[in-house]
Amino acid sequence: MTKIVRDIMRNAVITMVLTMLCINVPVFSQVEHNYEVGPQSANCDTLDITSYTLGEAISAIDHTTFRYQQQFKISRTYGIMSARFYSCDGNSGYLVIKVDKKDVIYLEVPETKWKGMISSVDINGFYDTEIKGNYNFIKDTSD
């Protein structure tokens, strides 16, 4: 009799496990929230460098905490030598480029342009057609 009870229990457990595995009922769900998140641990939302000289603007950017920043450097003696992108909202930001050993800061550059530039096979060509002349900028005026 105990063997029959044991077989019945085993079959019941197997049936229950298989039933639970086959039922696709979400146990947990996450509600999607569509709201904009402000800069967290950042102090860049009030930064305005439009009236600064190039040196002042670079210093202000360097001493500000941004939500997103990325950079690259290239070993060369002409063209784009380095670029840094800083964004407070993740959509647009400051693009600091060293071109021919001179810094230029472009204002309100979309993050999509930055990503396009860093993924381009011709960074100088991308810069010439997509960045240069298309955005407000700050450069050294002593030249």
Protein backbone atom coordinates (compact mmCIF):
# COMPACT_ATOMS: atom_id res chain seq x y z
CA MET A 1 0.00 0.00 0.00
CA THR A 2 2.83 2.43 0.75
CA LYS A 3 4.24 1.86 -2.75
CA ILE A 4 0.91 2.86 -4.29
CA VAL A 5 0.69 6.01 -2.13
CA ARG A 6 4.29 6.87 -2.98
CA ASP A 7 3.61 6.48 -6.73
CA ILE A 8 0.47 8.59 -6.49
CA MET A 9 2.37 11.34 -4.61
CA ARG A 10 5.26 11.22 -7.07
CA ASN A 11 2.89 11.51 -10.04
CA ALA A 12 1.01 14.37 -8.35
CA VAL A 13 4.24 16.29 -7.73
CA ILE A 14 5.44 15.72 -11.31
CA THR A 15 2.07 16.82 -12.69
CA MET A 16 2.08 19.93 -10.51
CA VAL A 17 5.64 20.90 -11.52
CA LEU A 18 4.90 20.39 -15.23
CA THR A 19 1.70 22.43 -14.92
CA MET A 20 3.56 25.29 -13.24
CA LEU A 21 6.26 25.25 -15.91
CA CYS A 22 3.72 25.32 -18.75
CA ILE A 23 1.62 28.16 -17.38
CA ASN A 24 3.06 31.48 -18.51
CA VAL A 25 1.64 33.86 -15.93
CA PRO A 26 3.85 36.76 -14.98
CA VAL A 27 4.37 36.79 -11.28
CA PHE A 28 6.01 40.21 -11.21
CA SER A 29 5.32 43.17 -13.46
CA GLN A 30 7.01 46.49 -13.85
CA VAL A 31 5.12 49.63 -14.66
CA GLU A 32 6.78 51.78 -17.30
CA HIS A 33 7.13 55.41 -16.32
CA ASN A 34 7.58 58.02 -19.02
CA TYR A 35 9.01 60.99 -17.25
CA GLU A 36 12.22 62.86 -17.66
CA VAL A 37 14.87 62.32 -15.05
CA GLY A 38 16.85 65.39 -14.09
CA PRO A 39 20.60 65.42 -13.74
CA GLN A 40 21.55 63.16 -10.89
CA SER A 41 24.68 64.08 -8.97
CA ALA A 42 25.39 66.71 -11.60
CA ASN A 43 25.68 70.47 -11.41
CA CYS A 44 25.67 71.16 -15.14
CA ASP A 45 22.06 72.30 -15.55
CA THR A 46 22.92 75.94 -14.73
CA LEU A 47 26.21 76.15 -16.67
CA ASP A 48 26.23 78.94 -19.26
CA ILE A 49 29.59 79.48 -20.96
CA THR A 50 28.40 81.65 -23.86
CA SER A 51 30.03 84.80 -22.46
CA TYR A 52 33.28 83.09 -21.42
CA THR A 53 36.62 83.18 -23.15
CA LEU A 54 37.88 79.84 -24.44
CA GLY A 55 40.12 79.28 -21.41
CA GLU A 56 37.35 80.20 -18.97
CA ALA A 57 34.87 77.96 -20.77
CA ILE A 58 37.21 74.94 -20.76
CA SER A 59 37.95 75.48 -17.07
CA ALA A 60 34.22 75.76 -16.26
CA ILE A 61 33.46 72.56 -18.19
CA ASP A 62 36.34 70.71 -16.51
CA HIS A 63 35.07 71.73 -13.06
CA THR A 64 31.44 70.80 -13.72
CA THR A 65 29.86 67.41 -13.15
CA PHE A 66 27.97 66.13 -16.18
CA ARG A 67 25.56 63.24 -16.46
CA TYR A 68 27.29 61.94 -19.59
CA GLN A 69 30.81 62.48 -20.88
CA GLN A 70 33.06 60.67 -23.30
CA GLN A 71 36.36 61.42 -25.04
CA PHE A 72 38.95 60.15 -27.48
CA LYS A 73 42.51 61.07 -28.46
CA ILE A 74 44.35 60.45 -31.72
CA SER A 75 48.12 60.62 -32.11
CA ARG A 76 48.65 62.93 -35.06
CA THR A 77 50.08 66.34 -35.86
CA TYR A 78 47.18 67.77 -37.89
CA GLY A 79 43.40 67.57 -38.05
CA ILE A 80 41.37 66.37 -35.10
CA MET A 81 43.70 65.36 -32.30
CA SER A 82 41.13 64.85 -29.53
CA ALA A 83 37.48 65.40 -28.75
CA ARG A 84 35.41 65.42 -25.58
CA PHE A 85 31.64 65.42 -25.33
CA TYR A 86 29.80 66.59 -22.20
CA SER A 87 26.03 66.41 -21.76
CA CYS A 88 23.74 67.23 -18.89
CA ASP A 89 20.52 65.86 -20.38
CA GLY A 90 21.87 63.07 -22.61
CA ASN A 91 20.44 64.74 -25.71
CA SER A 92 22.86 67.56 -26.50
CA GLY A 93 25.95 69.10 -25.01
CA TYR A 94 29.35 70.68 -25.35
CA LEU A 95 31.81 69.28 -27.86
CA VAL A 96 35.41 70.29 -27.10
CA ILE A 97 37.62 69.48 -30.09
CA LYS A 98 41.35 69.98 -30.53
CA VAL A 99 41.91 70.67 -34.23
CA ASP A 100 45.38 71.46 -35.53
CA LYS A 101 46.58 71.96 -31.92
CA LYS A 102 43.81 74.52 -31.15
CA ASP A 103 40.74 73.97 -28.96
CA VAL A 104 37.22 74.83 -30.11
CA ILE A 105 34.04 74.35 -28.07
CA TYR A 106 30.82 73.71 -29.98
CA LEU A 107 27.58 74.43 -28.12
CA GLU A 108 24.36 72.40 -28.12
CA VAL A 109 25.69 69.59 -30.28
CA PRO A 110 23.25 66.66 -30.42
CA GLU A 111 24.49 63.46 -28.85
CA THR A 112 23.64 61.70 -32.14
CA LYS A 113 26.27 63.84 -33.91
CA TRP A 114 28.87 62.86 -31.30
CA LYS A 115 28.06 59.17 -31.75
CA GLY A 116 28.18 59.62 -35.52
CA MET A 117 31.59 61.24 -35.28
CA ILE A 118 33.16 58.59 -33.04
CA SER A 119 31.83 55.79 -35.24
CA SER A 120 32.86 57.45 -38.51
CA VAL A 121 35.71 55.99 -40.56
CA ASP A 122 36.68 59.56 -41.54
CA ILE A 123 36.49 61.67 -38.38
CA ASN A 124 37.96 64.75 -40.08
CA GLY A 125 35.48 64.48 -42.95
CA PHE A 126 32.58 64.04 -40.54
CA TYR A 127 33.76 67.06 -38.56
CA ASP A 128 34.04 69.20 -41.72
CA THR A 129 30.56 68.31 -43.02
CA GLU A 130 28.50 67.70 -39.88
CA ILE A 131 29.97 69.85 -37.09
CA LYS A 132 32.10 72.74 -38.39
CA GLY A 133 29.94 75.70 -39.32
CA ASN A 134 26.72 74.08 -38.08
CA TYR A 135 26.82 75.00 -34.38
CA ASN A 136 27.68 78.02 -32.28
CA PHE A 137 31.22 77.82 -30.97
CA ILE A 138 33.84 79.39 -28.75
CA LYS A 139 37.42 79.56 -29.96
CA ASP A 140 40.61 81.42 -29.18
CA THR A 141 40.27 84.92 -30.62
CA SER A 142 43.93 85.85 -30.25
CA ASP A 143 44.77 84.40 -33.70
